[in-house]
């Protein structure tokens, strides 16, 4: 299954690094330890957490310099991304480098709870390099500033996702990719399906000419799958995880900051359902964050069962 992926990976096993965690699944280090992954899954679920890393490889330049909005030439009006570009003939394009604090620990604890309570071993991939060096949730040029080491790390991260998604698609026919992030905009969670806040503020989502990240689950009723009783936001709320936009109780984000989903959520939806969750500090960094991870794991199971997409290696489908 993952033969090609080992080109990018070391072959030794890593264990959890954070201070508050349950007994961990074993992890293997990816390219130059830029990420770690668990690949012996037995369920059609892939968990990704790209923005929790802190490792700062000395030979990879920071992504703070290199984006340039061209004012002339073939690329006029566009940002180009090269780590050695001084941008003397344009205007600086900013990159986002902030860490989603403890989103990596949270993702691990969700995976641990799935294994401990149900025996479900999800596929997991977690970024360990700092977002200042590579952003696994952007298009490759902006993500790496075209530095060869950042490119190698990025390609390895997505090689694992791509091959895992292919395996889930070919062996289970359906599945779920959960991309875990964090934000500091307020005490609410954002469930991202590639719909903007403005789009979610519409009364009828069925009239929108867009493709969501869970289109196979929506059928003819997008209102139900995005903010109805069977939506992920509603199920997160029912499991004690605070306010979620969108959900049955909180269908519209209004004028709040809303992040609809990034490259990981968008790139694989022809083969798998995908949801990005942006978790507030109160969920992922608080003293009760392990309990929150347990509730999040329960929400995943409830969601997959309610939408009839839960499959495991021992089940008869």
Protein backbone atom coordinates (compact mmCIF):
# COMPACT_ATOMS: atom_id res chain seq x y z
CA UNK A 1 0.00 0.00 0.00
CA UNK A 2 2.59 2.54 1.06
CA UNK A 3 5.65 1.24 -0.82
CA UNK A 4 6.35 4.50 -2.61
CA UNK A 5 5.82 6.52 0.53
CA UNK A 6 8.84 4.97 2.24
CA UNK A 7 11.07 6.84 -0.21
CA UNK A 8 10.29 9.90 1.88
CA UNK A 9 10.38 8.41 5.36
CA UNK A 10 12.71 7.18 8.02
CA UNK A 11 11.94 3.72 9.33
CA UNK A 12 12.09 4.24 13.10
CA UNK A 13 9.19 4.68 15.47
CA UNK A 14 8.42 7.84 17.44
CA UNK A 15 6.19 8.24 20.48
CA UNK A 16 4.16 11.15 21.79
CA UNK A 17 5.99 14.27 22.91
CA UNK A 18 3.47 16.37 24.79
CA UNK A 19 2.96 16.36 28.53
CA UNK A 20 -0.71 15.36 28.75
CA UNK A 21 -1.57 12.40 26.57
CA UNK A 22 -3.14 9.00 26.73
CA UNK A 23 -1.18 5.89 25.78
CA UNK A 24 -0.17 6.68 22.24
CA UNK A 25 -0.29 4.87 18.96
CA UNK A 26 3.19 4.35 17.49
CA UNK A 27 4.35 6.96 15.01
CA UNK A 28 7.02 6.90 12.31
CA UNK A 29 9.09 9.93 11.36
CA UNK A 30 8.61 11.37 7.89
CA UNK A 31 11.19 13.18 5.78
CA UNK A 32 13.82 14.67 8.11
CA UNK A 33 11.27 14.39 10.93
CA UNK A 34 9.19 17.15 9.34
CA UNK A 35 6.08 15.16 10.30
CA UNK A 36 5.11 11.89 11.94
CA UNK A 37 2.49 9.41 10.85
CA UNK A 38 0.56 6.33 11.91
CA UNK A 39 -0.24 4.14 8.92
CA UNK A 40 -1.51 0.82 10.29
CA UNK A 41 -5.15 1.87 10.28
CA UNK A 42 -8.21 -0.37 10.47
CA UNK A 43 -10.90 2.25 9.87
CA UNK A 44 -11.78 4.55 6.97
CA UNK A 45 -10.66 7.69 8.81
CA UNK A 46 -7.64 9.92 8.27
CA UNK A 47 -6.74 12.62 10.81
CA UNK A 48 -4.39 15.44 9.81
CA UNK A 49 -2.91 18.18 12.01
CA UNK A 50 -0.49 20.26 9.93
CA UNK A 51 0.08 23.40 12.02
CA UNK A 52 1.18 22.33 15.51
CA UNK A 53 4.88 21.84 14.84
CA UNK A 54 7.76 23.67 16.53
CA UNK A 55 10.91 22.22 14.92
CA UNK A 56 13.03 24.87 13.15
CA UNK A 57 15.55 23.23 10.77
CA UNK A 58 18.48 25.62 10.47
CA UNK A 59 19.04 25.07 6.74
CA UNK A 60 15.45 25.89 5.71
CA UNK A 61 14.76 29.65 5.49
CA UNK A 62 11.79 31.20 7.24
CA UNK A 63 8.73 31.81 5.09
CA UNK A 64 8.62 35.47 6.14
CA UNK A 65 10.54 36.69 3.08
CA UNK A 66 9.98 35.51 -0.49
CA UNK A 67 6.41 36.35 -1.42
CA UNK A 68 6.18 39.12 -4.00
CA UNK A 69 3.20 40.74 -5.72
CA UNK A 70 4.47 41.49 -9.22
CA UNK A 71 3.57 44.86 -10.69
CA UNK A 72 4.78 44.17 -14.23
CA UNK A 73 5.66 41.34 -16.59
CA UNK A 74 3.98 38.00 -17.16
CA UNK A 75 3.01 37.60 -13.49
CA UNK A 76 1.69 41.14 -12.99
CA UNK A 77 -1.00 41.21 -10.30
CA UNK A 78 0.01 37.81 -8.90
CA UNK A 79 2.11 36.72 -5.93
CA UNK A 80 5.17 34.66 -6.71
CA UNK A 81 6.91 32.63 -4.02
CA UNK A 82 10.70 32.17 -3.96
CA UNK A 83 12.79 32.05 -0.78
CA UNK A 84 15.63 34.08 -2.38
CA UNK A 85 13.44 36.77 -3.95
CA UNK A 86 14.14 40.26 -2.58
CA UNK A 87 11.01 41.60 -4.31
CA UNK A 88 12.76 44.74 -5.51
CA UNK A 89 10.29 45.07 -8.39
CA UNK A 90 7.02 44.48 -6.53
CA UNK A 91 5.20 44.50 -3.20
CA UNK A 92 5.60 42.00 -0.39
CA UNK A 93 3.04 39.18 -0.17
CA UNK A 94 2.61 38.07 3.42
CA UNK A 95 2.53 34.45 4.55
CA UNK A 96 0.77 33.03 7.59
CA UNK A 97 3.21 31.42 10.02
CA UNK A 98 1.35 31.33 13.35
CA UNK A 99 1.28 27.99 15.19
CA UNK A 100 -2.01 26.27 16.02
CA UNK A 101 -0.91 25.61 19.58
CA UNK A 102 -1.38 22.03 20.80
CA UNK A 103 -3.46 21.05 17.80
CA UNK A 104 -0.91 18.26 17.33
CA UNK A 105 -1.45 16.95 20.86
CA UNK A 106 -5.21 17.21 20.43
CA UNK A 107 -5.13 15.17 17.22
CA UNK A 108 -3.03 12.48 18.89
CA UNK A 109 -5.41 12.28 21.83
CA UNK A 110 -8.40 11.92 19.50
CA UNK A 111 -6.66 9.04 17.74
CA UNK A 112 -5.71 7.46 21.07
CA UNK A 113 -9.30 7.61 22.30
CA UNK A 114 -10.61 6.00 19.12
CA UNK A 115 -8.18 3.14 19.67
CA UNK A 116 -8.73 2.80 23.42
CA UNK A 117 -12.53 2.89 23.41
CA UNK A 118 -13.46 1.24 20.10
CA UNK A 119 -10.27 -0.42 18.90
CA UNK A 120 -10.35 1.85 15.85
CA UNK A 121 -6.88 2.73 14.59
CA UNK A 122 -7.21 5.76 12.37
CA UNK A 123 -4.58 6.88 9.91
CA UNK A 124 -2.86 9.95 11.34
CA UNK A 125 -0.39 12.52 10.05
CA UNK A 126 0.94 15.38 12.19
CA UNK A 127 3.29 18.18 11.19
CA UNK A 128 6.38 18.64 13.38
CA UNK A 129 8.28 21.32 11.47
CA UNK A 130 7.25 24.85 12.32
CA UNK A 131 4.85 26.58 9.97
CA UNK A 132 7.58 29.20 9.60
CA UNK A 133 9.48 26.61 7.56
CA UNK A 134 6.70 24.83 5.65
CA UNK A 135 2.92 25.08 5.54
CA UNK A 136 1.38 21.72 4.74
CA UNK A 137 -2.04 23.32 4.20
CA UNK A 138 -1.19 25.66 1.31
CA UNK A 139 -0.45 25.26 -2.38
CA UNK A 140 3.13 24.08 -2.79
CA UNK A 141 4.68 27.39 -3.95
CA UNK A 142 3.37 29.43 -1.04
CA UNK A 143 3.86 26.49 1.33
CA UNK A 144 7.56 26.05 0.58
CA UNK A 145 8.75 29.26 -1.11
CA UNK A 146 10.31 26.81 -3.57
CA UNK A 147 13.09 25.79 -1.22
CA UNK A 148 14.19 22.22 -2.05
CA UNK A 149 14.12 20.90 1.54
CA UNK A 150 10.71 22.42 2.23
CA UNK A 151 9.45 20.98 -1.05
CA UNK A 152 10.68 17.49 -0.08
CA UNK A 153 8.94 17.69 3.31
CA UNK A 154 5.72 18.99 1.74
CA UNK A 155 5.64 16.34 -0.97
CA UNK A 156 6.22 13.58 1.58
CA UNK A 157 3.37 14.83 3.80
CA UNK A 158 0.98 14.85 0.86
CA UNK A 159 2.27 11.55 -0.50
CA UNK A 160 1.08 9.94 2.73
CA UNK A 161 -2.32 11.65 2.53
CA UNK A 162 -2.73 10.79 -1.14
CA UNK A 163 -1.85 7.12 -0.74
CA UNK A 164 -3.99 6.80 2.39
CA UNK A 165 -6.97 8.41 0.65
CA UNK A 166 -6.48 6.06 -2.30
CA UNK A 167 -6.38 3.06 0.04
CA UNK A 168 -9.54 4.15 1.88
CA UNK A 169 -11.33 4.88 -1.39
CA UNK A 170 -10.34 1.57 -2.99
CA UNK A 171 -11.02 -0.62 0.06
CA UNK A 172 -13.95 1.07 1.79
CA UNK A 173 -15.49 3.12 -1.04
CA UNK A 174 -16.24 5.94 1.40
CA UNK A 175 -14.41 7.62 4.26
CA UNK A 176 -13.62 10.80 6.16
CA UNK A 177 -10.61 13.12 6.34
CA UNK A 178 -10.58 15.37 9.41
CA UNK A 179 -8.11 18.27 9.33
CA UNK A 180 -7.57 19.70 12.83
CA UNK A 181 -6.57 23.34 13.35
CA UNK A 182 -6.78 26.03 16.00
CA UNK A 183 -7.79 29.69 16.05
CA UNK A 184 -7.92 32.60 18.47
CA UNK A 185 -10.84 34.56 17.05
CA UNK A 186 -13.33 33.64 19.77
CA UNK A 187 -14.73 30.83 21.88
CA UNK A 188 -16.36 28.86 19.07
CA UNK A 189 -15.42 26.10 16.65
CA UNK A 190 -15.61 26.45 12.88
CA UNK A 191 -16.60 23.39 10.85
CA UNK A 192 -15.26 24.01 7.37
CA UNK A 193 -16.83 22.49 4.27
CA UNK A 194 -15.39 24.98 1.72
CA UNK A 195 -18.30 27.36 2.27
CA UNK A 196 -17.43 30.92 3.26
CA UNK A 197 -19.07 32.75 6.14
CA UNK A 198 -21.03 34.81 3.64
CA UNK A 199 -22.31 31.68 1.93
CA UNK A 200 -23.27 30.09 5.25
CA UNK A 201 -25.26 33.21 6.11
CA UNK A 202 -27.65 32.42 3.25
CA UNK A 203 -31.06 31.04 4.23
CA UNK A 204 -30.97 28.22 1.68
CA UNK A 205 -27.67 26.52 0.97
CA UNK A 206 -29.20 24.46 -1.83
CA UNK A 207 -29.26 27.45 -4.15
CA UNK A 208 -25.50 27.99 -3.94
CA UNK A 209 -23.54 27.00 -7.03
CA UNK A 210 -20.60 25.57 -5.13
CA UNK A 211 -19.09 22.19 -4.32
CA UNK A 212 -18.78 21.37 -0.65
CA UNK A 213 -16.14 19.06 0.82
CA UNK A 214 -18.79 16.47 1.77
CA UNK A 215 -20.90 16.57 -1.39
CA UNK A 216 -21.56 12.77 -1.47
CA UNK A 217 -23.20 13.06 1.97
CA UNK A 218 -25.43 15.96 1.05
CA UNK A 219 -27.59 14.42 -1.63
CA UNK A 220 -30.36 16.87 -2.42
CA UNK A 221 -30.39 18.61 0.98
CA UNK A 222 -27.29 20.65 1.64
CA UNK A 223 -28.99 22.46 4.51
CA UNK A 224 -29.21 19.18 6.42
CA UNK A 225 -25.69 17.94 5.82
CA UNK A 226 -24.05 21.31 6.61
CA UNK A 227 -26.17 22.57 9.54
CA UNK A 228 -28.88 20.03 10.22
CA UNK A 229 -29.28 17.37 12.89
CA UNK A 230 -26.81 15.07 11.10
CA UNK A 231 -24.14 17.73 10.57
CA UNK A 232 -20.73 17.51 12.22
CA UNK A 233 -21.21 20.88 13.94
CA UNK A 234 -24.43 19.75 15.58
CA UNK A 235 -22.86 16.49 16.74
CA UNK A 236 -19.84 18.31 18.18
CA UNK A 237 -22.22 20.52 20.18
CA UNK A 238 -24.21 17.50 21.40
CA UNK A 239 -20.95 16.04 22.69
CA UNK A 240 -20.27 19.04 24.90
CA UNK A 241 -17.76 20.88 22.72
CA UNK A 242 -19.29 24.32 22.93
CA UNK A 243 -20.63 26.51 20.13
CA UNK A 244 -19.96 25.37 16.57
CA UNK A 245 -20.66 27.22 13.35
CA UNK A 246 -22.50 25.96 11.38
CA UNK A 247 -24.83 23.70 13.38
CA UNK A 248 -28.54 23.24 13.93
CA UNK A 249 -28.48 25.61 16.92
CA UNK A 250 -25.97 28.01 15.34
CA UNK A 251 -26.49 27.81 11.59
CA UNK A 252 -24.93 31.14 10.54
CA UNK A 253 -21.61 32.66 11.65
CA UNK A 254 -22.87 36.19 10.99
CA UNK A 255 -20.00 38.68 10.92
CA UNK A 256 -17.64 36.44 12.88
CA UNK A 257 -14.30 35.41 11.45
CA UNK A 258 -14.83 32.15 9.58
CA UNK A 259 -12.26 29.83 7.98
CA UNK A 260 -13.89 27.56 5.45
CA UNK A 261 -11.14 24.99 4.82
CA UNK A 262 -7.71 25.01 3.22
CA UNK A 263 -5.69 23.03 0.71
CA UNK A 264 -5.95 19.70 2.53
CA UNK A 265 -9.73 19.90 2.77
CA UNK A 266 -10.03 20.96 -0.86
CA UNK A 267 -7.49 18.73 -2.58
CA UNK A 268 -8.82 15.22 -1.94
CA UNK A 269 -12.60 15.53 -2.04
CA UNK A 270 -12.99 13.68 -5.33
CA UNK A 271 -12.12 10.52 -3.34
CA UNK A 272 -13.02 11.21 0.30
CA UNK A 273 -15.28 13.41 2.42
CA UNK A 274 -13.27 16.10 4.21
CA UNK A 275 -13.94 18.53 7.06
CA UNK A 276 -11.63 21.16 8.56
CA UNK A 277 -12.26 22.05 12.19
CA UNK A 278 -10.85 25.23 13.70
CA UNK A 279 -10.84 24.73 17.46
CA UNK A 280 -10.66 27.57 20.01
CA UNK A 281 -8.05 27.67 22.74
CA UNK A 282 -10.65 26.60 25.30
CA UNK A 283 -11.02 23.25 23.55
CA UNK A 284 -7.46 22.33 22.59
CA UNK A 285 -5.23 23.98 25.26
CA UNK A 286 -7.32 23.98 28.46
CA UNK A 287 -6.69 21.71 31.44
CA UNK A 288 -9.59 19.47 30.31
CA UNK A 289 -8.26 19.12 26.76
CA UNK A 290 -7.92 15.32 27.05
CA UNK A 291 -11.62 15.10 27.94
CA UNK A 292 -12.37 17.39 25.02
CA UNK A 293 -10.42 15.07 22.73
CA UNK A 294 -12.44 12.12 24.04
CA UNK A 295 -15.67 13.98 23.26
CA UNK A 296 -14.34 14.89 19.81
CA UNK A 297 -13.56 11.22 19.14
CA UNK A 298 -17.10 10.31 20.21
CA UNK A 299 -18.44 12.98 17.85
CA UNK A 300 -16.50 11.47 14.94
CA UNK A 301 -18.01 8.05 15.61
CA UNK A 302 -21.51 9.49 16.04
CA UNK A 303 -21.15 11.47 12.81
CA UNK A 304 -19.85 8.57 10.74
CA UNK A 305 -22.52 6.22 12.09
CA UNK A 306 -25.35 8.71 11.58
CA UNK A 307 -24.26 9.30 7.99
CA UNK A 308 -23.65 5.60 7.35
CA UNK A 309 -19.98 5.95 6.37
CA UNK A 310 -18.26 4.13 9.25
CA UNK A 311 -16.30 1.14 7.98
CA UNK A 312 -13.57 -0.92 9.61
CA UNK A 313 -11.36 -3.74 8.48
CA UNK A 314 -13.31 -6.43 10.34
CA UNK A 315 -16.80 -5.23 9.47
CA UNK A 316 -19.03 -6.80 6.85
CA UNK A 317 -20.15 -4.02 4.52
